[in-house]
Every structure is written in structure tokens, then in C-alpha cells.
């Protein structure tokens, strides 16, 4: 009897943990030039033009330069040890920063 109930309990438990939608937090992203989700023809990010910034020190003043050069409507700075969401956003530029403040990678998504 217990052997038959175990799969039902397992499925019920996993269903309770499932998310019904995506979560958006204000600390996750910064939006420049309007929201990328509401525009019908949102341009996609291209990180290639900003690769020359890898190795440079990151500063808040770089935000607009990086986002406009990469054609990104959103920019997310990821520091060591920070938790990040894994959803793909084709209009977002991710700036990965090392503990010394230098930019280690620039990727879209």
C-alpha cells in the first residue's frame, strides 16, 4: 500500500514547489531607455563592441556607455558570491566583476 502512495506523495510535493510564473526583482536589473519587455521590436544585445572593457575597473559611470555600445536595454552587474537568476533576456548585458573591481566578462542574456 505504501509503495503505491509514494509516487503520489512525491508528485504532490514537487507540484507544490513549482513556480507558476517568472519572478522579477528590482535589484536584479536596471533598465535604460524604457522597458525591453514592452517594446514589440526590442533590439538584441551585442556584447562584441564592449569586449575592450574586459580588465578595466568597473564604475557606475560605465553603465550608460556599456549599455548603449552593446545595444542593451538592461544591464546587470554580477559581483563575486552574488546569486543570479538564470532566465535568458536577449536585451540584457551582464557585467561580471571580480573581487578587485575589474570587469572579467561581458555577456548578453
N, C-alpha and C. Protein backbone atom coordinates (compact mmCIF):
# COMPACT_ATOMS: atom_id res chain seq x y z
N UNK A 1 0.82 -1.19 0.00
CA UNK A 1 0.00 0.00 0.00
C UNK A 1 0.87 1.25 0.00
N UNK A 2 1.89 1.28 0.84
CA UNK A 2 2.77 2.43 0.92
C UNK A 2 3.53 2.63 -0.39
N UNK A 3 3.87 1.53 -1.04
CA UNK A 3 4.59 1.58 -2.29
C UNK A 3 3.76 2.28 -3.37
N UNK A 4 2.45 2.15 -3.34
CA UNK A 4 1.56 2.80 -4.31
C UNK A 4 1.35 4.26 -3.99
N UNK A 5 1.38 4.63 -2.73
CA UNK A 5 1.16 6.03 -2.33
C UNK A 5 2.41 6.89 -2.48
N UNK A 6 3.57 6.30 -2.44
CA UNK A 6 4.81 7.07 -2.50
C UNK A 6 4.91 7.95 -3.75
N UNK A 7 4.64 7.43 -4.97
CA UNK A 7 4.70 8.30 -6.16
C UNK A 7 3.69 9.45 -6.12
N UNK A 8 2.53 9.20 -5.58
CA UNK A 8 1.51 10.25 -5.48
C UNK A 8 1.98 11.35 -4.54
N UNK A 9 2.53 10.97 -3.42
CA UNK A 9 3.04 11.95 -2.45
C UNK A 9 4.21 12.72 -3.05
N UNK A 10 5.08 12.04 -3.75
CA UNK A 10 6.23 12.68 -4.37
C UNK A 10 5.79 13.71 -5.41
N UNK A 11 4.86 13.35 -6.28
CA UNK A 11 4.37 14.28 -7.30
C UNK A 11 3.67 15.47 -6.65
N UNK A 12 2.88 15.21 -5.62
CA UNK A 12 2.18 16.30 -4.93
C UNK A 12 3.18 17.26 -4.29
N UNK A 13 4.24 16.73 -3.72
CA UNK A 13 5.26 17.57 -3.11
C UNK A 13 6.01 18.40 -4.12
N UNK A 14 6.35 17.80 -5.25
CA UNK A 14 7.07 18.54 -6.29
C UNK A 14 6.18 19.59 -6.94
N UNK A 15 4.91 19.31 -7.08
CA UNK A 15 3.98 20.28 -7.65
C UNK A 15 3.85 21.49 -6.75
N UNK A 16 3.89 21.30 -5.46
CA UNK A 16 3.79 22.40 -4.52
C UNK A 16 5.00 23.31 -4.60
N UNK A 17 6.14 22.78 -5.00
CA UNK A 17 7.36 23.57 -5.10
C UNK A 17 7.49 24.29 -6.43
N UNK A 18 6.70 23.92 -7.41
CA UNK A 18 6.82 24.50 -8.75
C UNK A 18 6.38 25.96 -8.73
N UNK A 19 7.04 26.77 -9.54
CA UNK A 19 6.69 28.18 -9.68
C UNK A 19 5.67 28.34 -10.78
N UNK A 20 4.67 29.16 -10.54
CA UNK A 20 3.62 29.35 -11.55
C UNK A 20 3.98 30.42 -12.56
N UNK A 21 5.02 31.19 -12.34
CA UNK A 21 5.41 32.25 -13.27
C UNK A 21 6.82 32.70 -13.00
N UNK A 22 7.27 33.71 -13.71
CA UNK A 22 8.62 34.22 -13.50
C UNK A 22 8.59 35.31 -12.45
N UNK A 23 9.67 35.43 -11.73
CA UNK A 23 9.78 36.46 -10.72
C UNK A 23 10.71 37.54 -11.22
N UNK A 24 10.35 38.78 -10.96
CA UNK A 24 11.18 39.92 -11.33
C UNK A 24 11.44 40.73 -10.09
N UNK A 25 12.70 41.02 -9.82
CA UNK A 25 13.04 41.84 -8.68
C UNK A 25 13.71 43.09 -9.15
N UNK A 26 13.52 44.17 -8.41
CA UNK A 26 14.09 45.44 -8.82
C UNK A 26 15.60 45.45 -8.66
N UNK A 27 16.15 44.63 -7.75
CA UNK A 27 17.59 44.59 -7.57
C UNK A 27 18.28 43.77 -8.64
N UNK A 28 17.50 43.02 -9.43
CA UNK A 28 18.06 42.13 -10.44
C UNK A 28 18.59 42.89 -11.64
N UNK A 29 17.84 43.86 -12.13
CA UNK A 29 18.24 44.54 -13.35
C UNK A 29 18.00 46.03 -13.25
N UNK A 30 18.69 46.75 -14.08
CA UNK A 30 18.46 48.18 -14.26
C UNK A 30 18.05 48.38 -15.70
N UNK A 31 17.04 49.19 -15.92
CA UNK A 31 16.53 49.39 -17.27
C UNK A 31 16.96 50.75 -17.78
N UNK A 32 17.41 50.79 -19.01
CA UNK A 32 17.78 52.03 -19.67
C UNK A 32 16.96 52.18 -20.92
N UNK A 33 16.45 53.37 -21.18
CA UNK A 33 15.74 53.64 -22.42
C UNK A 33 14.41 52.92 -22.52
N UNK A 34 13.72 52.72 -21.42
CA UNK A 34 12.41 52.06 -21.46
C UNK A 34 12.55 50.59 -21.17
N UNK A 35 11.40 49.93 -21.06
CA UNK A 35 11.45 48.51 -20.74
C UNK A 35 11.54 47.69 -22.00
N UNK A 36 12.43 46.73 -22.00
CA UNK A 36 12.63 45.88 -23.16
C UNK A 36 11.47 44.93 -23.39
N UNK A 37 10.73 44.59 -22.34
CA UNK A 37 9.65 43.64 -22.48
C UNK A 37 8.43 44.25 -23.16
N UNK A 38 8.22 45.55 -23.02
CA UNK A 38 7.01 46.15 -23.55
C UNK A 38 7.15 46.57 -25.01
N UNK A 39 8.37 46.72 -25.49
CA UNK A 39 8.53 47.14 -26.87
C UNK A 39 8.40 45.94 -27.79
N UNK A 40 7.66 46.10 -28.86
CA UNK A 40 7.41 44.99 -29.77
C UNK A 40 8.63 44.59 -30.56
N UNK A 41 9.50 45.53 -30.88
CA UNK A 41 10.69 45.24 -31.68
C UNK A 41 11.94 45.57 -30.86
N UNK A 42 12.10 44.89 -29.76
CA UNK A 42 13.26 45.12 -28.90
C UNK A 42 14.52 44.64 -29.60
N UNK A 43 15.54 45.50 -29.60
CA UNK A 43 16.81 45.14 -30.21
C UNK A 43 17.53 44.15 -29.30
N UNK A 44 18.29 43.27 -29.90
CA UNK A 44 19.04 42.31 -29.09
C UNK A 44 20.41 42.87 -28.74
N UNK A 45 20.89 42.42 -27.63
CA UNK A 45 22.19 42.85 -27.13
C UNK A 45 23.31 42.25 -27.98
N UNK A 46 24.39 43.01 -28.13
CA UNK A 46 25.58 42.52 -28.83
C UNK A 46 26.79 42.91 -27.98
N UNK A 47 27.38 41.96 -27.28
CA UNK A 47 28.48 42.23 -26.36
C UNK A 47 29.82 42.42 -27.05
N UNK A 48 29.91 42.12 -28.33
CA UNK A 48 31.19 42.20 -29.03
C UNK A 48 31.81 43.61 -28.99
N UNK A 49 31.05 44.68 -29.22
CA UNK A 49 31.65 46.02 -29.22
C UNK A 49 32.22 46.48 -27.87
N UNK A 50 31.85 45.85 -26.78
CA UNK A 50 32.32 46.29 -25.46
C UNK A 50 33.38 45.36 -24.86
N UNK A 51 33.84 44.38 -25.62
CA UNK A 51 34.83 43.44 -25.10
C UNK A 51 36.16 44.11 -24.74
N UNK A 52 36.41 45.28 -25.29
CA UNK A 52 37.65 46.00 -24.95
C UNK A 52 37.64 46.51 -23.51
N UNK A 53 36.49 46.48 -22.85
CA UNK A 53 36.39 46.93 -21.45
C UNK A 53 36.76 45.84 -20.45
N UNK A 54 36.91 44.60 -20.92
CA UNK A 54 37.31 43.50 -20.03
C UNK A 54 38.69 43.80 -19.48
N UNK A 55 38.83 43.69 -18.16
CA UNK A 55 40.09 44.01 -17.49
C UNK A 55 40.12 45.40 -16.89
N UNK A 56 39.22 46.27 -17.34
CA UNK A 56 39.14 47.63 -16.80
C UNK A 56 38.40 47.61 -15.47
N UNK A 57 38.59 48.64 -14.65
CA UNK A 57 37.86 48.77 -13.39
C UNK A 57 36.42 49.17 -13.70
N UNK A 58 35.47 48.51 -13.04
CA UNK A 58 34.06 48.84 -13.22
C UNK A 58 33.71 50.05 -12.37
N UNK A 59 32.90 50.94 -12.94
CA UNK A 59 32.35 52.07 -12.18
C UNK A 59 30.93 52.33 -12.68
N UNK A 60 30.12 52.94 -11.84
CA UNK A 60 28.73 53.23 -12.19
C UNK A 60 28.65 54.12 -13.43
N UNK A 61 29.66 54.93 -13.67
CA UNK A 61 29.64 55.83 -14.83
C UNK A 61 29.74 55.06 -16.15
N UNK A 62 30.19 53.82 -16.10
CA UNK A 62 30.29 52.99 -17.31
C UNK A 62 28.94 52.43 -17.76
N UNK A 63 27.94 52.43 -16.88
CA UNK A 63 26.65 51.79 -17.18
C UNK A 63 26.06 52.25 -18.51
N UNK A 64 25.89 53.54 -18.69
CA UNK A 64 25.27 54.05 -19.92
C UNK A 64 26.15 53.78 -21.14
N UNK A 65 27.45 53.90 -20.99
CA UNK A 65 28.35 53.64 -22.10
C UNK A 65 28.28 52.18 -22.54
N UNK A 66 28.34 51.28 -21.57
CA UNK A 66 28.28 49.86 -21.88
C UNK A 66 26.94 49.47 -22.51
N UNK A 67 25.84 49.94 -21.92
CA UNK A 67 24.53 49.55 -22.43
C UNK A 67 24.27 50.12 -23.82
N UNK A 68 24.70 51.34 -24.07
CA UNK A 68 24.47 51.91 -25.41
C UNK A 68 25.39 51.27 -26.45
N UNK A 69 26.63 51.01 -26.10
CA UNK A 69 27.55 50.38 -27.05
C UNK A 69 27.15 48.95 -27.39
N UNK A 70 26.56 48.25 -26.41
CA UNK A 70 26.15 46.86 -26.63
C UNK A 70 24.71 46.77 -27.13
N UNK A 71 24.05 47.90 -27.30
CA UNK A 71 22.66 47.95 -27.75
C UNK A 71 21.75 47.19 -26.78
N UNK A 72 22.03 47.35 -25.47
CA UNK A 72 21.27 46.66 -24.43
C UNK A 72 20.31 47.63 -23.76
N UNK A 73 19.10 47.15 -23.48
CA UNK A 73 18.13 47.97 -22.77
C UNK A 73 18.20 47.74 -21.26
N UNK A 74 18.85 46.66 -20.85
CA UNK A 74 19.03 46.37 -19.43
C UNK A 74 20.47 45.99 -19.17
N UNK A 75 20.93 46.30 -17.95
CA UNK A 75 22.30 45.99 -17.57
C UNK A 75 22.27 45.38 -16.18
N UNK A 76 23.00 44.29 -15.99
CA UNK A 76 23.06 43.63 -14.68
C UNK A 76 24.52 43.45 -14.32
N UNK A 77 24.89 43.91 -13.12
CA UNK A 77 26.25 43.77 -12.62
C UNK A 77 26.27 42.59 -11.65
N UNK A 78 27.14 41.62 -11.91
CA UNK A 78 27.25 40.42 -11.09
C UNK A 78 28.60 40.41 -10.39
N UNK A 79 28.56 40.48 -9.07
CA UNK A 79 29.78 40.50 -8.27
C UNK A 79 30.01 39.12 -7.68
N UNK A 80 31.24 38.82 -7.24
CA UNK A 80 31.54 37.50 -6.68
C UNK A 80 30.62 37.15 -5.51
N UNK A 81 30.10 35.93 -5.54
CA UNK A 81 29.25 35.45 -4.47
C UNK A 81 27.79 35.85 -4.58
N UNK A 82 27.43 36.68 -5.54
CA UNK A 82 26.04 37.09 -5.69
C UNK A 82 25.23 36.01 -6.38
N UNK A 83 24.00 35.89 -5.99
CA UNK A 83 23.09 34.95 -6.61
C UNK A 83 22.49 35.62 -7.83
N UNK A 84 22.38 34.87 -8.93
CA UNK A 84 21.78 35.44 -10.13
C UNK A 84 20.71 34.51 -10.66
N UNK A 85 19.74 35.10 -11.31
CA UNK A 85 18.70 34.30 -11.94
C UNK A 85 19.22 33.77 -13.27
N UNK A 86 18.64 32.68 -13.74
CA UNK A 86 19.14 32.04 -14.95
C UNK A 86 18.27 32.27 -16.18
N UNK A 87 17.24 33.15 -16.06
CA UNK A 87 16.42 33.39 -17.24
C UNK A 87 17.21 34.15 -18.28
N UNK A 88 16.95 33.85 -19.52
CA UNK A 88 17.66 34.50 -20.63
C UNK A 88 16.88 35.72 -21.07
N UNK A 89 17.56 36.85 -21.15
CA UNK A 89 16.96 38.09 -21.63
C UNK A 89 17.84 38.61 -22.75
N UNK A 90 17.39 38.55 -24.00
CA UNK A 90 18.23 38.93 -25.13
C UNK A 90 18.57 40.41 -25.20
N UNK A 91 17.93 41.23 -24.37
CA UNK A 91 18.22 42.67 -24.39
C UNK A 91 19.08 43.10 -23.21
N UNK A 92 19.56 42.15 -22.39
CA UNK A 92 20.32 42.49 -21.19
C UNK A 92 21.81 42.22 -21.36
N UNK A 93 22.63 43.14 -20.87
CA UNK A 93 24.08 42.95 -20.82
C UNK A 93 24.46 42.61 -19.39
N UNK A 94 25.15 41.49 -19.19
CA UNK A 94 25.64 41.08 -17.88
C UNK A 94 27.10 41.49 -17.77
N UNK A 95 27.40 42.26 -16.73
CA UNK A 95 28.77 42.70 -16.45
C UNK A 95 29.25 41.88 -15.27
N UNK A 96 30.20 40.99 -15.49
CA UNK A 96 30.73 40.14 -14.43
C UNK A 96 31.99 40.81 -13.88
N UNK A 97 31.97 41.11 -12.57
CA UNK A 97 33.03 41.88 -11.92
C UNK A 97 33.77 41.00 -10.93
N UNK A 98 35.09 41.09 -10.91
CA UNK A 98 35.93 40.35 -9.96
C UNK A 98 35.92 41.06 -8.61
N UNK A 99 36.49 40.42 -7.60
CA UNK A 99 36.52 41.00 -6.25
C UNK A 99 37.36 42.27 -6.18
N UNK A 100 38.32 42.43 -7.10
CA UNK A 100 39.14 43.65 -7.10
C UNK A 100 38.48 44.79 -7.88
N UNK A 101 37.27 44.56 -8.40
CA UNK A 101 36.53 45.60 -9.11
C UNK A 101 36.74 45.62 -10.61
N UNK A 102 37.57 44.73 -11.12
CA UNK A 102 37.81 44.71 -12.56
C UNK A 102 36.74 43.87 -13.27
N UNK A 103 36.45 44.22 -14.50
CA UNK A 103 35.47 43.50 -15.30
C UNK A 103 36.14 42.24 -15.85
N UNK A 104 35.55 41.09 -15.54
CA UNK A 104 36.15 39.84 -16.03
C UNK A 104 35.43 39.33 -17.27
N UNK A 105 34.16 39.70 -17.48
CA UNK A 105 33.43 39.26 -18.66
C UNK A 105 32.24 40.16 -18.91
N UNK A 106 31.86 40.26 -20.18
CA UNK A 106 30.68 40.98 -20.60
C UNK A 106 29.91 40.05 -21.52
N UNK A 107 28.69 39.69 -21.11
CA UNK A 107 27.89 38.73 -21.87
C UNK A 107 26.46 39.21 -21.97
N UNK A 108 25.83 38.91 -23.07
CA UNK A 108 24.42 39.21 -23.23
C UNK A 108 23.59 38.07 -22.66
N UNK A 109 22.40 38.38 -22.25
CA UNK A 109 21.50 37.36 -21.75
C UNK A 109 21.01 37.73 -20.42
